[in-house]
PDB file of N, CA and C in Angstrom:
ATOM      1  N   MET A   1      -7.213 -93.868  52.150  1.00  0.00           N
ATOM      2  CA  MET A   1      -7.218 -92.623  52.890  1.00  0.00           C
ATOM      3  C   MET A   1      -6.992 -91.443  51.942  1.00  0.00           C
ATOM      4  N   ARG A   2      -6.045 -91.591  51.018  1.00  0.00           N
ATOM      5  CA  ARG A   2      -5.788 -90.503  50.065  1.00  0.00           C
ATOM      6  C   ARG A   2      -7.021 -90.221  49.234  1.00  0.00           C
ATOM      7  N   GLY A   3      -7.730 -91.275  48.857  1.00  0.00           N
ATOM      8  CA  GLY A   3      -8.938 -91.103  48.066  1.00  0.00           C
ATOM      9  C   GLY A   3     -10.005 -90.323  48.821  1.00  0.00           C
ATOM     10  N   LEU A   4     -10.135 -90.596  50.110  1.00  0.00           N
ATOM     11  CA  LEU A   4     -11.111 -89.873  50.922  1.00  0.00           C
ATOM     12  C   LEU A   4     -10.729 -88.409  51.072  1.00  0.00           C
ATOM     13  N   HIS A   5      -9.442 -88.160  51.236  1.00  0.00           N
ATOM     14  CA  HIS A   5      -8.988 -86.768  51.317  1.00  0.00           C
ATOM     15  C   HIS A   5      -9.262 -86.038  50.000  1.00  0.00           C
ATOM     16  N   ALA A   6      -8.891 -86.663  48.908  1.00  0.00           N
ATOM     17  CA  ALA A   6      -9.113 -86.042  47.601  1.00  0.00           C
ATOM     18  C   ALA A   6     -10.596 -85.783  47.374  1.00  0.00           C
ATOM     19  N   TYR A   7     -11.435 -86.748  47.733  1.00  0.00           N
ATOM     20  CA  TYR A   7     -12.882 -86.603  47.585  1.00  0.00           C
ATOM     21  C   TYR A   7     -13.385 -85.392  48.375  1.00  0.00           C
ATOM     22  N   SER A   8     -12.952 -85.282  49.623  1.00  0.00           N
ATOM     23  CA  SER A   8     -13.431 -84.162  50.446  1.00  0.00           C
ATOM     24  C   SER A   8     -12.903 -82.826  49.929  1.00  0.00           C
ATOM     25  N   PHE A   9     -11.666 -82.795  49.451  1.00  0.00           N
ATOM     26  CA  PHE A   9     -11.121 -81.551  48.896  1.00  0.00           C
ATOM     27  C   PHE A   9     -11.897 -81.129  47.656  1.00  0.00           C
ATOM     28  N   LEU A  10     -12.172 -82.076  46.774  1.00  0.00           N
ATOM     29  CA  LEU A  10     -12.918 -81.753  45.549  1.00  0.00           C
ATOM     30  C   LEU A  10     -14.331 -81.288  45.881  1.00  0.00           C
ATOM     31  N   LYS A  11     -14.960 -81.900  46.877  1.00  0.00           N
ATOM     32  CA  LYS A  11     -16.302 -81.465  47.295  1.00  0.00           C
ATOM     33  C   LYS A  11     -16.254 -80.039  47.835  1.00  0.00           C
ATOM     34  N   MET A  12     -15.253 -79.744  48.643  1.00  0.00           N
ATOM     35  CA  MET A  12     -15.129 -78.397  49.197  1.00  0.00           C
ATOM     36  C   MET A  12     -14.886 -77.372  48.092  1.00  0.00           C
ATOM     37  N   LEU A  13     -14.148 -77.769  47.073  1.00  0.00           N
ATOM     38  CA  LEU A  13     -13.868 -76.879  45.950  1.00  0.00           C
ATOM     39  C   LEU A  13     -15.040 -76.778  44.982  1.00  0.00           C
ATOM     40  N   GLY A  14     -15.990 -77.688  45.091  1.00  0.00           N
ATOM     41  CA  GLY A  14     -17.119 -77.697  44.165  1.00  0.00           C
ATOM     42  C   GLY A  14     -16.738 -78.195  42.778  1.00  0.00           C
ATOM     43  N   VAL A  15     -15.724 -79.029  42.708  1.00  0.00           N
ATOM     44  CA  VAL A  15     -15.264 -79.575  41.428  1.00  0.00           C
ATOM     45  C   VAL A  15     -15.584 -81.078  41.430  1.00  0.00           C
ATOM     46  N   THR A  16     -16.848 -81.374  41.533  1.00  0.00           N
ATOM     47  CA  THR A  16     -17.278 -82.758  41.678  1.00  0.00           C
ATOM     48  C   THR A  16     -17.339 -83.517  40.356  1.00  0.00           C
ATOM     49  N   ASP A  17     -17.213 -82.805  39.240  1.00  0.00           N
ATOM     50  CA  ASP A  17     -17.247 -83.500  37.958  1.00  0.00           C
ATOM     51  C   ASP A  17     -15.982 -84.317  37.718  1.00  0.00           C
ATOM     52  N   THR A  18     -15.019 -84.212  38.598  1.00  0.00           N
ATOM     53  CA  THR A  18     -13.802 -85.024  38.490  1.00  0.00           C
ATOM     54  C   THR A  18     -13.817 -86.184  39.487  1.00  0.00           C
ATOM     55  N   ILE A  19     -14.940 -86.395  40.174  1.00  0.00           N
ATOM     56  CA  ILE A  19     -15.053 -87.488  41.132  1.00  0.00           C
ATOM     57  C   ILE A  19     -15.692 -88.684  40.426  1.00  0.00           C
ATOM     58  N   ALA A  20     -14.983 -89.792  40.424  1.00  0.00           N
ATOM     59  CA  ALA A  20     -15.467 -91.007  39.768  1.00  0.00           C
ATOM     60  C   ALA A  20     -16.238 -91.877  40.758  1.00  0.00           C
ATOM     61  N   GLN A  21     -17.254 -92.536  40.256  1.00  0.00           N
ATOM     62  CA  GLN A  21     -18.051 -93.446  41.077  1.00  0.00           C
ATOM     63  C   GLN A  21     -17.536 -94.883  41.002  1.00  0.00           C
ATOM     64  N   ASN A  22     -16.736 -95.154  39.983  1.00  0.00           N
ATOM     65  CA  ASN A  22     -16.199 -96.506  39.807  1.00  0.00           C
ATOM     66  C   ASN A  22     -14.938 -96.432  38.943  1.00  0.00           C
ATOM     67  N   GLU A  23     -14.328 -97.569  38.728  1.00  0.00           N
ATOM     68  CA  GLU A  23     -13.075 -97.614  37.984  1.00  0.00           C
ATOM     69  C   GLU A  23     -13.254 -97.145  36.538  1.00  0.00           C
ATOM     70  N   GLU A  24     -14.357 -97.516  35.917  1.00  0.00           N
ATOM     71  CA  GLU A  24     -14.618 -97.111  34.531  1.00  0.00           C
ATOM     72  C   GLU A  24     -14.707 -95.594  34.412  1.00  0.00           C
ATOM     73  N   GLU A  25     -15.442 -94.963  35.320  1.00  0.00           N
ATOM     74  CA  GLU A  25     -15.550 -93.497  35.326  1.00  0.00           C
ATOM     75  C   GLU A  25     -14.204 -92.840  35.598  1.00  0.00           C
ATOM     76  N   TYR A  26     -13.435 -93.447  36.473  1.00  0.00           N
ATOM     77  CA  TYR A  26     -12.107 -92.915  36.793  1.00  0.00           C
ATOM     78  C   TYR A  26     -11.249 -92.851  35.533  1.00  0.00           C
ATOM     79  N   ILE A  27     -11.271 -93.910  34.770  1.00  0.00           N
ATOM     80  CA  ILE A  27     -10.501 -93.964  33.527  1.00  0.00           C
ATOM     81  C   ILE A  27     -11.014 -92.927  32.534  1.00  0.00           C
ATOM     82  N   GLU A  28     -12.338 -92.803  32.418  1.00  0.00           N
ATOM     83  CA  GLU A  28     -12.926 -91.810  31.510  1.00  0.00           C
ATOM     84  C   GLU A  28     -12.491 -90.393  31.886  1.00  0.00           C
ATOM     85  N   ILE A  29     -12.539 -90.093  33.162  1.00  0.00           N
ATOM     86  CA  ILE A  29     -12.148 -88.754  33.634  1.00  0.00           C
ATOM     87  C   ILE A  29     -10.663 -88.518  33.377  1.00  0.00           C
ATOM     88  N   ALA A  30      -9.846 -89.519  33.664  1.00  0.00           N
ATOM     89  CA  ALA A  30      -8.403 -89.380  33.447  1.00  0.00           C
ATOM     90  C   ALA A  30      -8.089 -89.146  31.970  1.00  0.00           C
ATOM     91  N   VAL A  31      -8.755 -89.886  31.101  1.00  0.00           N
ATOM     92  CA  VAL A  31      -8.536 -89.717  29.663  1.00  0.00           C
ATOM     93  C   VAL A  31      -8.996 -88.335  29.222  1.00  0.00           C
ATOM     94  N   LYS A  32     -10.165 -87.913  29.706  1.00  0.00           N
ATOM     95  CA  LYS A  32     -10.682 -86.591  29.335  1.00  0.00           C
ATOM     96  C   LYS A  32      -9.747 -85.481  29.809  1.00  0.00           C
ATOM     97  N   LEU A  33      -9.234 -85.606  31.026  1.00  0.00           N
ATOM     98  CA  LEU A  33      -8.280 -84.615  31.528  1.00  0.00           C
ATOM     99  C   LEU A  33      -7.015 -84.590  30.678  1.00  0.00           C
ATOM    100  N   GLY A  34      -6.618 -85.759  30.211  1.00  0.00           N
ATOM    101  CA  GLY A  34      -5.410 -85.837  29.399  1.00  0.00           C
ATOM    102  C   GLY A  34      -5.586 -85.311  27.984  1.00  0.00           C
ATOM    103  N   LEU A  35      -6.780 -85.506  27.420  1.00  0.00           N
ATOM    104  CA  LEU A  35      -6.991 -85.164  26.008  1.00  0.00           C
ATOM    105  C   LEU A  35      -7.702 -83.832  25.769  1.00  0.00           C
ATOM    106  N   ASP A  36      -8.548 -83.424  26.710  1.00  0.00           N
ATOM    107  CA  ASP A  36      -9.364 -82.222  26.511  1.00  0.00           C
ATOM    108  C   ASP A  36      -8.747 -81.057  27.284  1.00  0.00           C
ATOM    109  N   SER A  37      -7.861 -80.335  26.623  1.00  0.00           N
ATOM    110  CA  SER A  37      -7.133 -79.264  27.308  1.00  0.00           C
ATOM    111  C   SER A  37      -8.060 -78.138  27.765  1.00  0.00           C
ATOM    112  N   GLU A  38      -9.143 -77.900  27.042  1.00  0.00           N
ATOM    113  CA  GLU A  38     -10.093 -76.851  27.445  1.00  0.00           C
ATOM    114  C   GLU A  38     -10.778 -77.228  28.756  1.00  0.00           C
ATOM    115  N   TRP A  39     -11.237 -78.458  28.846  1.00  0.00           N
ATOM    116  CA  TRP A  39     -11.892 -78.916  30.076  1.00  0.00           C
ATOM    117  C   TRP A  39     -10.895 -78.952  31.227  1.00  0.00           C
ATOM    118  N   ARG A  40      -9.687 -79.451  30.960  1.00  0.00           N
ATOM    119  CA  ARG A  40      -8.642 -79.498  31.982  1.00  0.00           C
ATOM    120  C   ARG A  40      -8.343 -78.087  32.487  1.00  0.00           C
ATOM    121  N   GLY A  41      -8.271 -77.130  31.583  1.00  0.00           N
ATOM    122  CA  GLY A  41      -8.039 -75.742  31.975  1.00  0.00           C
ATOM    123  C   GLY A  41      -9.170 -75.193  32.823  1.00  0.00           C
ATOM    124  N   ASP A  42     -10.399 -75.561  32.458  1.00  0.00           N
ATOM    125  CA  ASP A  42     -11.571 -75.126  33.226  1.00  0.00           C
ATOM    126  C   ASP A  42     -11.526 -75.697  34.645  1.00  0.00           C
ATOM    127  N   VAL A  43     -11.201 -76.981  34.744  1.00  0.00           N
ATOM    128  CA  VAL A  43     -11.101 -77.629  36.059  1.00  0.00           C
ATOM    129  C   VAL A  43     -10.020 -76.939  36.887  1.00  0.00           C
ATOM    130  N   ALA A  44      -8.855 -76.709  36.289  1.00  0.00           N
ATOM    131  CA  ALA A  44      -7.754 -76.058  36.994  1.00  0.00           C
ATOM    132  C   ALA A  44      -8.134 -74.646  37.428  1.00  0.00           C
ATOM    133  N   GLN A  45      -8.823 -73.927  36.564  1.00  0.00           N
ATOM    134  CA  GLN A  45      -9.226 -72.560  36.885  1.00  0.00           C
ATOM    135  C   GLN A  45     -10.217 -72.538  38.045  1.00  0.00           C
ATOM    136  N   ARG A  46     -11.198 -73.445  38.021  1.00  0.00           N
ATOM    137  CA  ARG A  46     -12.167 -73.503  39.127  1.00  0.00           C
ATOM    138  C   ARG A  46     -11.474 -73.835  40.436  1.00  0.00           C
ATOM    139  N   MET A  47     -10.538 -74.761  40.379  1.00  0.00           N
ATOM    140  CA  MET A  47      -9.800 -75.110  41.606  1.00  0.00           C
ATOM    141  C   MET A  47      -9.011 -73.904  42.113  1.00  0.00           C
ATOM    142  N   SER A  48      -8.362 -73.226  41.218  1.00  0.00           N
ATOM    143  CA  SER A  48      -7.552 -72.069  41.586  1.00  0.00           C
ATOM    144  C   SER A  48      -8.414 -70.943  42.162  1.00  0.00           C
ATOM    145  N   GLN A  49      -9.551 -70.695  41.542  1.00  0.00           N
ATOM    146  CA  GLN A  49     -10.436 -69.615  41.996  1.00  0.00           C
ATOM    147  C   GLN A  49     -11.071 -69.914  43.350  1.00  0.00           C
ATOM    148  N   ARG A  50     -11.181 -71.178  43.694  1.00  0.00           N
ATOM    149  CA  ARG A  50     -11.887 -71.562  44.926  1.00  0.00           C
ATOM    150  C   ARG A  50     -10.952 -72.088  46.006  1.00  0.00           C
ATOM    151  N   HIS A  51      -9.654 -71.940  45.831  1.00  0.00           N
ATOM    152  CA  HIS A  51      -8.712 -72.517  46.790  1.00  0.00           C
ATOM    153  C   HIS A  51      -8.922 -71.997  48.209  1.00  0.00           C
ATOM    154  N   ASP A  52      -9.487 -70.809  48.338  1.00  0.00           N
ATOM    155  CA  ASP A  52      -9.730 -70.272  49.681  1.00  0.00           C
ATOM    156  C   ASP A  52     -10.704 -71.134  50.467  1.00  0.00           C
ATOM    157  N   ARG A  53     -11.569 -71.866  49.779  1.00  0.00           N
ATOM    158  CA  ARG A  53     -12.504 -72.764  50.466  1.00  0.00           C
ATOM    159  C   ARG A  53     -11.753 -73.843  51.239  1.00  0.00           C
ATOM    160  N   LEU A  54     -10.576 -74.195  50.762  1.00  0.00           N
ATOM    161  CA  LEU A  54      -9.746 -75.186  51.456  1.00  0.00           C
ATOM    162  C   LEU A  54      -8.832 -74.527  52.474  1.00  0.00           C
ATOM    163  N   PHE A  55      -8.084 -73.544  52.027  1.00  0.00           N
ATOM    164  CA  PHE A  55      -7.000 -73.012  52.843  1.00  0.00           C
ATOM    165  C   PHE A  55      -7.454 -71.993  53.880  1.00  0.00           C
ATOM    166  N   ASP A  56      -8.614 -71.393  53.707  1.00  0.00           N
ATOM    167  CA  ASP A  56      -9.109 -70.431  54.686  1.00  0.00           C
ATOM    168  C   ASP A  56     -10.177 -71.027  55.601  1.00  0.00           C
ATOM    169  N   ASP A  57     -10.487 -72.292  55.413  1.00  0.00           N
ATOM    170  CA  ASP A  57     -11.506 -72.963  56.221  1.00  0.00           C
ATOM    171  C   ASP A  57     -10.929 -73.288  57.602  1.00  0.00           C
ATOM    172  N   GLN A  58     -11.575 -72.799  58.632  1.00  0.00           N
ATOM    173  CA  GLN A  58     -11.080 -72.989  59.994  1.00  0.00           C
ATOM    174  C   GLN A  58     -11.761 -74.141  60.728  1.00  0.00           C
ATOM    175  N   VAL A  59     -12.737 -74.786  60.103  1.00  0.00           N
ATOM    176  CA  VAL A  59     -13.491 -75.847  60.780  1.00  0.00           C
ATOM    177  C   VAL A  59     -12.571 -76.978  61.228  1.00  0.00           C
ATOM    178  N   CYS A  60     -11.733 -77.465  60.327  1.00  0.00           N
ATOM    179  CA  CYS A  60     -10.820 -78.572  60.672  1.00  0.00           C
ATOM    180  C   CYS A  60      -9.808 -78.148  61.721  1.00  0.00           C
ATOM    181  N   VAL A  61      -9.285 -76.952  61.579  1.00  0.00           N
ATOM    182  CA  VAL A  61      -8.287 -76.455  62.530  1.00  0.00           C
ATOM    183  C   VAL A  61      -8.909 -76.338  63.919  1.00  0.00           C
ATOM    184  N   THR A  62     -10.099 -75.782  63.981  1.00  0.00           N
ATOM    185  CA  THR A  62     -10.785 -75.629  65.261  1.00  0.00           C
ATOM    186  C   THR A  62     -11.100 -76.984  65.885  1.00  0.00           C
ATOM    187  N   ALA A  63     -11.531 -77.941  65.061  1.00  0.00           N
ATOM    188  CA  ALA A  63     -11.841 -79.284  65.572  1.00  0.00           C
ATOM    189  C   ALA A  63     -10.581 -79.961  66.105  1.00  0.00           C
ATOM    190  N   LEU A  64      -9.479 -79.855  65.390  1.00  0.00           N
ATOM    191  CA  LEU A  64      -8.232 -80.466  65.838  1.00  0.00           C
ATOM    192  C   LEU A  64      -7.743 -79.800  67.124  1.00  0.00           C
ATOM    193  N   GLU A  65      -7.875 -78.484  67.190  1.00  0.00           N
ATOM    194  CA  GLU A  65      -7.495 -77.753  68.392  1.00  0.00           C
ATOM    195  C   GLU A  65      -8.324 -78.231  69.589  1.00  0.00           C
ATOM    196  N   GLY A  66      -9.621 -78.390  69.383  1.00  0.00           N
ATOM    197  CA  GLY A  66     -10.490 -78.875  70.444  1.00  0.00           C
ATOM    198  C   GLY A  66     -10.114 -80.275  70.896  1.00  0.00           C
ATOM    199  N   PHE A  67      -9.772 -81.116  69.936  1.00  0.00           N
ATOM    200  CA  PHE A  67      -9.341 -82.479  70.256  1.00  0.00           C
ATOM    201  C   PHE A  67      -8.100 -82.454  71.142  1.00  0.00           C
ATOM    202  N   TYR A  68      -7.089 -81.685  70.734  1.00  0.00           N
ATOM    203  CA  TYR A  68      -5.856 -81.615  71.518  1.00  0.00           C
ATOM    204  C   TYR A  68      -6.109 -81.047  72.915  1.00  0.00           C
ATOM    205  N   GLN A  69      -6.944 -80.034  73.004  1.00  0.00           N
ATOM    206  CA  GLN A  69      -7.251 -79.465  74.318  1.00  0.00           C
ATOM    207  C   GLN A  69      -7.935 -80.504  75.202  1.00  0.00           C
ATOM    208  N   GLY A  70      -8.839 -81.284  74.626  1.00  0.00           N
ATOM    209  CA  GLY A  70      -9.513 -82.329  75.391  1.00  0.00           C
ATOM    210  C   GLY A  70      -8.546 -83.402  75.872  1.00  0.00           C
ATOM    211  N   VAL A  71      -7.615 -83.797  75.018  1.00  0.00           N
ATOM    212  CA  VAL A  71      -6.615 -84.803  75.391  1.00  0.00           C
ATOM    213  C   VAL A  71      -5.747 -84.287  76.529  1.00  0.00           C
ATOM    214  N   VAL A  72      -5.325 -83.043  76.423  1.00  0.00           N
ATOM    215  CA  VAL A  72      -4.479 -82.458  77.470  1.00  0.00           C
ATOM    216  C   VAL A  72      -5.260 -82.360  78.780  1.00  0.00           C
ATOM    217  N   ARG A  73      -6.517 -81.924  78.720  1.00  0.00           N
ATOM    218  CA  ARG A  73      -7.342 -81.834  79.940  1.00  0.00           C
ATOM    219  C   ARG A  73      -7.462 -83.201  80.611  1.00  0.00           C
ATOM    220  N   GLU A  74      -7.745 -84.234  79.818  1.00  0.00           N
ATOM    221  CA  GLU A  74      -7.889 -85.581  80.369  1.00  0.00           C
ATOM    222  C   GLU A  74      -6.579 -86.065  80.982  1.00  0.00           C
ATOM    223  N   ARG A  75      -5.487 -85.785  80.325  1.00  0.00           N
ATOM    224  CA  ARG A  75      -4.179 -86.210  80.845  1.00  0.00           C
ATOM    225  C   ARG A  75      -3.862 -85.477  82.144  1.00  0.00           C
ATOM    226  N   LEU A  76      -4.169 -84.185  82.194  1.00  0.00           N
ATOM    227  CA  LEU A  76      -3.935 -83.441  83.430  1.00  0.00           C
ATOM    228  C   LEU A  76      -4.803 -83.973  84.563  1.00  0.00           C
ATOM    229  N   LYS A  77      -6.048 -84.349  84.269  1.00  0.00           N
ATOM    230  CA  LYS A  77      -6.919 -84.940  85.289  1.00  0.00           C
ATOM    231  C   LYS A  77      -6.316 -86.242  85.814  1.00  0.00           C
ATOM    232  N   GLN A  78      -5.820 -87.072  84.912  1.00  0.00           N
ATOM    233  CA  GLN A  78      -5.203 -88.341  85.299  1.00  0.00           C
ATOM    234  C   GLN A  78      -3.980 -88.111  86.181  1.00  0.00           C
ATOM    235  N   LEU A  79      -3.185 -87.133  85.826  1.00  0.00           N
ATOM    236  CA  LEU A  79      -1.991 -86.832  86.609  1.00  0.00           C
ATOM    237  C   LEU A  79      -2.353 -86.363  88.006  1.00  0.00           C
ATOM    238  N   THR A  80      -3.425 -85.572  88.122  1.00  0.00           N
ATOM    239  CA  THR A  80      -3.863 -85.055  89.420  1.00  0.00           C
ATOM    240  C   THR A  80      -4.412 -86.193  90.283  1.00  0.00           C
ATOM    241  N   VAL A  81      -5.166 -87.087  89.679  1.00  0.00           N
ATOM    242  CA  VAL A  81      -5.733 -88.226  90.420  1.00  0.00           C
ATOM    243  C   VAL A  81      -4.621 -89.184  90.863  1.00  0.00           C
ATOM    244  N   ASP A  82      -3.652 -89.415  90.002  1.00  0.00           N
ATOM    245  CA  ASP A  82      -2.559 -90.333  90.308  1.00  0.00           C
ATOM    246  C   ASP A  82      -1.579 -89.784  91.342  1.00  0.00           C
ATOM    247  N   SER A  83      -1.582 -88.468  91.578  1.00  0.00           N
ATOM    248  CA  SER A  83      -0.618 -87.863  92.507  1.00  0.00           C
ATOM    249  C   SER A  83      -1.021 -88.012  93.939  1.00  0.00           C
TER     250      SER A  83
END
């Protein structure tokens, strides 16, 4: 689950060069992040500059709100039928 969240966050940020397709790539990326301070700085800067894509995005909030409203509506219908 954490991997899926991280994947979606990186896609939203447009920092897909840090997404590994397999274990070998994961290790390569981790080593590069650890050893190449210029690239690591670039990745960090891109993430920082684009953070609004994550934190200002209302799509997830709106979807969750809709879900909760639907659950409450269904529960209220059940309560009315059961009364």
